[in-house]
Amino acid sequence: MNILTYGEIMDGGASVFHCVVREDASSLFVTFSGVVRVDNPARHLGDLLTELRHILPGRTVEATTLDFTELEFCNSNGFYIIMDIIEIVYAATTGPVLVRRLEEDDWQQETLPILLNLDEPAVAARTSLENVSEV
């Protein structure tokens, strides 16, 4: 597994949120973990967005996994940064996208499909959802 880029949000000297983008052969893995509670997450994750825009286009990506199973909390400001990351991934790749989400998490069940823009036929056609039980 090769880490392409990552971003983190620090709060009070501790890392509270991570987004890691990895590749293995021709598969792309984007994991979200921790909590997003800050007012302006783009201030912390701007470099991640810039790097994604530069490293993803032109890569051979046959399949993508977006994994939200370790995302514990996301405030409304965090929605925008997640949408930005998702938009870049979908624009730079063409293959199927598997979205892993927690089965018992109301936010992930109700809001995540909106952030993914699953009402868009082109997005819905290449997206499948995997519900994961919490350990």
C-alpha atoms as a PDB file:
ATOM      1  CA  MET A   1       0.000   0.000   0.000  1.00  0.00           C
ATOM      2  CA  ASN A   2       1.434   3.334  -1.072  1.00  0.00           C
ATOM      3  CA  ILE A   3       0.304   6.538   0.690  1.00  0.00           C
ATOM      4  CA  LEU A   4      -0.246   9.233  -1.938  1.00  0.00           C
ATOM      5  CA  THR A   5      -1.225  12.053   0.425  1.00  0.00           C
ATOM      6  CA  TYR A   6      -2.941  12.759   3.722  1.00  0.00           C
ATOM      7  CA  GLY A   7      -4.402  15.616   5.677  1.00  0.00           C
ATOM      8  CA  GLU A   8      -5.130  16.115   9.333  1.00  0.00           C
ATOM      9  CA  ILE A   9      -6.875  18.520  11.639  1.00  0.00           C
ATOM     10  CA  MET A  10      -5.163  19.361  14.904  1.00  0.00           C
ATOM     11  CA  ASP A  11      -7.074  20.603  17.946  1.00  0.00           C
ATOM     12  CA  GLY A  12      -5.358  21.536  21.176  1.00  0.00           C
ATOM     13  CA  GLY A  13      -2.112  19.951  19.980  1.00  0.00           C
ATOM     14  CA  ALA A  14      -3.732  16.604  19.216  1.00  0.00           C
ATOM     15  CA  SER A  15      -4.594  15.166  15.833  1.00  0.00           C
ATOM     16  CA  VAL A  16      -8.382  14.725  15.807  1.00  0.00           C
ATOM     17  CA  PHE A  17      -9.118  13.983  12.131  1.00  0.00           C
ATOM     18  CA  HIS A  18      -7.255  12.209   9.335  1.00  0.00           C
ATOM     19  CA  CYS A  19      -7.933  11.729   5.655  1.00  0.00           C
ATOM     20  CA  VAL A  20      -5.484   9.301   4.062  1.00  0.00           C
ATOM     21  CA  VAL A  21      -5.332   8.580   0.329  1.00  0.00           C
ATOM     22  CA  ARG A  22      -3.552   5.339  -0.587  1.00  0.00           C
ATOM     23  CA  GLU A  23      -3.165   3.185  -3.646  1.00  0.00           C
ATOM     24  CA  ASP A  24      -2.555  -0.502  -4.110  1.00  0.00           C
ATOM     25  CA  ALA A  25      -1.985  -1.639  -7.688  1.00  0.00           C
ATOM     26  CA  SER A  26      -4.806   0.087  -9.574  1.00  0.00           C
ATOM     27  CA  SER A  27      -7.108   0.642  -6.571  1.00  0.00           C
ATOM     28  CA  LEU A  28      -7.511   3.905  -4.687  1.00  0.00           C
ATOM     29  CA  PHE A  29      -8.454   3.995  -0.980  1.00  0.00           C
ATOM     30  CA  VAL A  30      -9.602   7.156   0.803  1.00  0.00           C
ATOM     31  CA  THR A  31     -10.186   6.813   4.538  1.00  0.00           C
ATOM     32  CA  PHE A  32     -11.759   9.355   6.871  1.00  0.00           C
ATOM     33  CA  SER A  33     -11.226   8.968  10.619  1.00  0.00           C
ATOM     34  CA  GLY A  34     -11.771  10.951  13.785  1.00  0.00           C
ATOM     35  CA  VAL A  35     -13.901  14.045  14.289  1.00  0.00           C
ATOM     36  CA  VAL A  36     -14.436  17.269  12.338  1.00  0.00           C
ATOM     37  CA  ARG A  37     -15.577  20.003  14.741  1.00  0.00           C
ATOM     38  CA  VAL A  38     -13.596  23.047  13.578  1.00  0.00           C
ATOM     39  CA  ASP A  39     -15.172  26.090  11.937  1.00  0.00           C
ATOM     40  CA  ASN A  40     -12.943  26.108   8.845  1.00  0.00           C
ATOM     41  CA  PRO A  41     -11.644  22.618   8.007  1.00  0.00           C
ATOM     42  CA  ALA A  42     -10.456  23.828   4.585  1.00  0.00           C
ATOM     43  CA  ARG A  43      -7.830  25.916   6.381  1.00  0.00           C
ATOM     44  CA  HIS A  44      -6.367  22.676   7.748  1.00  0.00           C
ATOM     45  CA  LEU A  45      -6.947  20.492   4.675  1.00  0.00           C
ATOM     46  CA  GLY A  46      -6.275  22.930   1.814  1.00  0.00           C
ATOM     47  CA  ASP A  47      -2.938  21.275   1.005  1.00  0.00           C
ATOM     48  CA  LEU A  48      -4.665  17.885   0.787  1.00  0.00           C
ATOM     49  CA  LEU A  49      -7.153  19.259  -1.759  1.00  0.00           C
ATOM     50  CA  THR A  50      -4.348  20.798  -3.818  1.00  0.00           C
ATOM     51  CA  GLU A  51      -2.334  17.581  -3.780  1.00  0.00           C
ATOM     52  CA  LEU A  52      -5.358  15.496  -4.787  1.00  0.00           C
ATOM     53  CA  ARG A  53      -6.008  17.779  -7.770  1.00  0.00           C
ATOM     54  CA  HIS A  54      -2.421  17.242  -8.925  1.00  0.00           C
ATOM     55  CA  ILE A  55      -1.744  13.562  -8.197  1.00  0.00           C
ATOM     56  CA  LEU A  56      -5.027  11.879  -9.158  1.00  0.00           C
ATOM     57  CA  PRO A  57      -5.513  12.940 -12.792  1.00  0.00           C
ATOM     58  CA  GLY A  58      -3.700  10.616 -15.164  1.00  0.00           C
ATOM     59  CA  ARG A  59      -3.408   7.792 -12.622  1.00  0.00           C
ATOM     60  CA  THR A  60      -4.761   4.404 -13.603  1.00  0.00           C
ATOM     61  CA  VAL A  61      -7.491   3.788 -11.041  1.00  0.00           C
ATOM     62  CA  GLU A  62      -9.736   0.831 -11.738  1.00  0.00           C
ATOM     63  CA  ALA A  63     -11.654   0.955  -8.432  1.00  0.00           C
ATOM     64  CA  THR A  64     -12.002   3.372  -5.523  1.00  0.00           C
ATOM     65  CA  THR A  65     -13.021   2.814  -1.917  1.00  0.00           C
ATOM     66  CA  LEU A  66     -14.219   5.708   0.239  1.00  0.00           C
ATOM     67  CA  ASP A  67     -14.186   4.503   3.848  1.00  0.00           C
ATOM     68  CA  PHE A  68     -16.143   6.463   6.448  1.00  0.00           C
ATOM     69  CA  THR A  69     -16.300   3.697   9.076  1.00  0.00           C
ATOM     70  CA  GLU A  70     -13.806   5.454  11.363  1.00  0.00           C
ATOM     71  CA  LEU A  71     -15.378   8.898  11.040  1.00  0.00           C
ATOM     72  CA  GLU A  72     -16.852   9.500  14.486  1.00  0.00           C
ATOM     73  CA  PHE A  73     -18.379  12.960  13.995  1.00  0.00           C
ATOM     74  CA  CYS A  74     -18.633  15.621  11.309  1.00  0.00           C
ATOM     75  CA  ASN A  75     -20.175  19.055  11.830  1.00  0.00           C
ATOM     76  CA  SER A  76     -21.882  20.986   9.045  1.00  0.00           C
ATOM     77  CA  ASN A  77     -18.630  22.802   8.181  1.00  0.00           C
ATOM     78  CA  GLY A  78     -16.978  19.424   7.710  1.00  0.00           C
ATOM     79  CA  PHE A  79     -19.620  18.478   5.127  1.00  0.00           C
ATOM     80  CA  TYR A  80     -18.088  20.934   2.685  1.00  0.00           C
ATOM     81  CA  ILE A  81     -14.552  19.617   2.954  1.00  0.00           C
ATOM     82  CA  ILE A  82     -15.782  16.034   2.554  1.00  0.00           C
ATOM     83  CA  MET A  83     -17.775  17.087  -0.515  1.00  0.00           C
ATOM     84  CA  ASP A  84     -14.646  18.757  -1.933  1.00  0.00           C
ATOM     85  CA  ILE A  85     -12.580  15.594  -1.456  1.00  0.00           C
ATOM     86  CA  ILE A  86     -15.319  13.397  -2.932  1.00  0.00           C
ATOM     87  CA  GLU A  87     -15.763  15.705  -5.929  1.00  0.00           C
ATOM     88  CA  ILE A  88     -12.041  15.591  -6.726  1.00  0.00           C
ATOM     89  CA  VAL A  89     -11.959  11.780  -6.456  1.00  0.00           C
ATOM     90  CA  TYR A  90     -15.004  11.292  -8.688  1.00  0.00           C
ATOM     91  CA  ALA A  91     -13.730  13.806 -11.274  1.00  0.00           C
ATOM     92  CA  ALA A  92     -10.264  12.230 -11.466  1.00  0.00           C
ATOM     93  CA  THR A  93     -11.346   8.570 -11.622  1.00  0.00           C
ATOM     94  CA  THR A  94     -13.700   6.616 -13.853  1.00  0.00           C
ATOM     95  CA  GLY A  95     -14.130   3.203 -12.238  1.00  0.00           C
ATOM     96  CA  PRO A  96     -16.577   1.941  -9.640  1.00  0.00           C
ATOM     97  CA  VAL A  97     -16.637   3.528  -6.186  1.00  0.00           C
ATOM     98  CA  LEU A  98     -17.390   1.531  -3.051  1.00  0.00           C
ATOM     99  CA  VAL A  99     -18.522   3.616  -0.080  1.00  0.00           C
ATOM    100  CA  ARG A 100     -18.063   1.923   3.294  1.00  0.00           C
ATOM    101  CA  ARG A 101     -20.236   3.417   6.038  1.00  0.00           C
ATOM    102  CA  LEU A 102     -21.494   2.500   9.487  1.00  0.00           C
ATOM    103  CA  GLU A 103     -24.814   0.704   9.526  1.00  0.00           C
ATOM    104  CA  GLU A 104     -25.982   2.158  12.867  1.00  0.00           C
ATOM    105  CA  ASP A 105     -24.857   5.752  12.277  1.00  0.00           C
ATOM    106  CA  ASP A 106     -27.808   8.001  11.368  1.00  0.00           C
ATOM    107  CA  TRP A 107     -25.542  10.696   9.905  1.00  0.00           C
ATOM    108  CA  GLN A 108     -23.743   8.254   7.636  1.00  0.00           C
ATOM    109  CA  GLN A 109     -27.006   6.622   6.566  1.00  0.00           C
ATOM    110  CA  GLU A 110     -28.956   9.831   5.907  1.00  0.00           C
ATOM    111  CA  THR A 111     -26.480  12.622   5.137  1.00  0.00           C
ATOM    112  CA  LEU A 112     -23.661  10.757   3.410  1.00  0.00           C
ATOM    113  CA  PRO A 113     -25.752   9.909   0.302  1.00  0.00           C
ATOM    114  CA  ILE A 114     -26.485  13.633  -0.056  1.00  0.00           C
ATOM    115  CA  LEU A 115     -22.796  14.552   0.252  1.00  0.00           C
ATOM    116  CA  LEU A 116     -21.963  11.880  -2.316  1.00  0.00           C
ATOM    117  CA  ASN A 117     -24.538  13.422  -4.660  1.00  0.00           C
ATOM    118  CA  LEU A 118     -26.194  10.061  -5.288  1.00  0.00           C
ATOM    119  CA  ASP A 119     -29.149  11.853  -6.917  1.00  0.00           C
ATOM    120  CA  GLU A 120     -26.826  12.467  -9.874  1.00  0.00           C
ATOM    121  CA  PRO A 121     -27.328   9.480 -12.237  1.00  0.00           C
ATOM    122  CA  ALA A 122     -23.672   9.330 -13.306  1.00  0.00           C
ATOM    123  CA  VAL A 123     -22.513   9.219  -9.678  1.00  0.00           C
ATOM    124  CA  ALA A 124     -25.164   6.709  -8.607  1.00  0.00           C
ATOM    125  CA  ALA A 125     -24.344   4.412 -11.535  1.00  0.00           C
ATOM    126  CA  ARG A 126     -20.765   3.906 -10.381  1.00  0.00           C
ATOM    127  CA  THR A 127     -21.344   3.948  -6.603  1.00  0.00           C
ATOM    128  CA  SER A 128     -22.189   1.044  -4.316  1.00  0.00           C
ATOM    129  CA  LEU A 129     -22.724   1.264  -0.570  1.00  0.00           C
ATOM    130  CA  GLU A 130     -21.421  -1.219   1.994  1.00  0.00           C
ATOM    131  CA  ASN A 131     -22.967  -1.016   5.445  1.00  0.00           C
ATOM    132  CA  VAL A 132     -20.520  -2.058   8.156  1.00  0.00           C
ATOM    133  CA  SER A 133     -21.440  -2.943  11.744  1.00  0.00           C
ATOM    134  CA  GLU A 134     -19.477  -1.191  14.471  1.00  0.00           C
ATOM    135  CA  VAL A 135     -17.003  -3.416  16.231  1.00  0.00           C
END
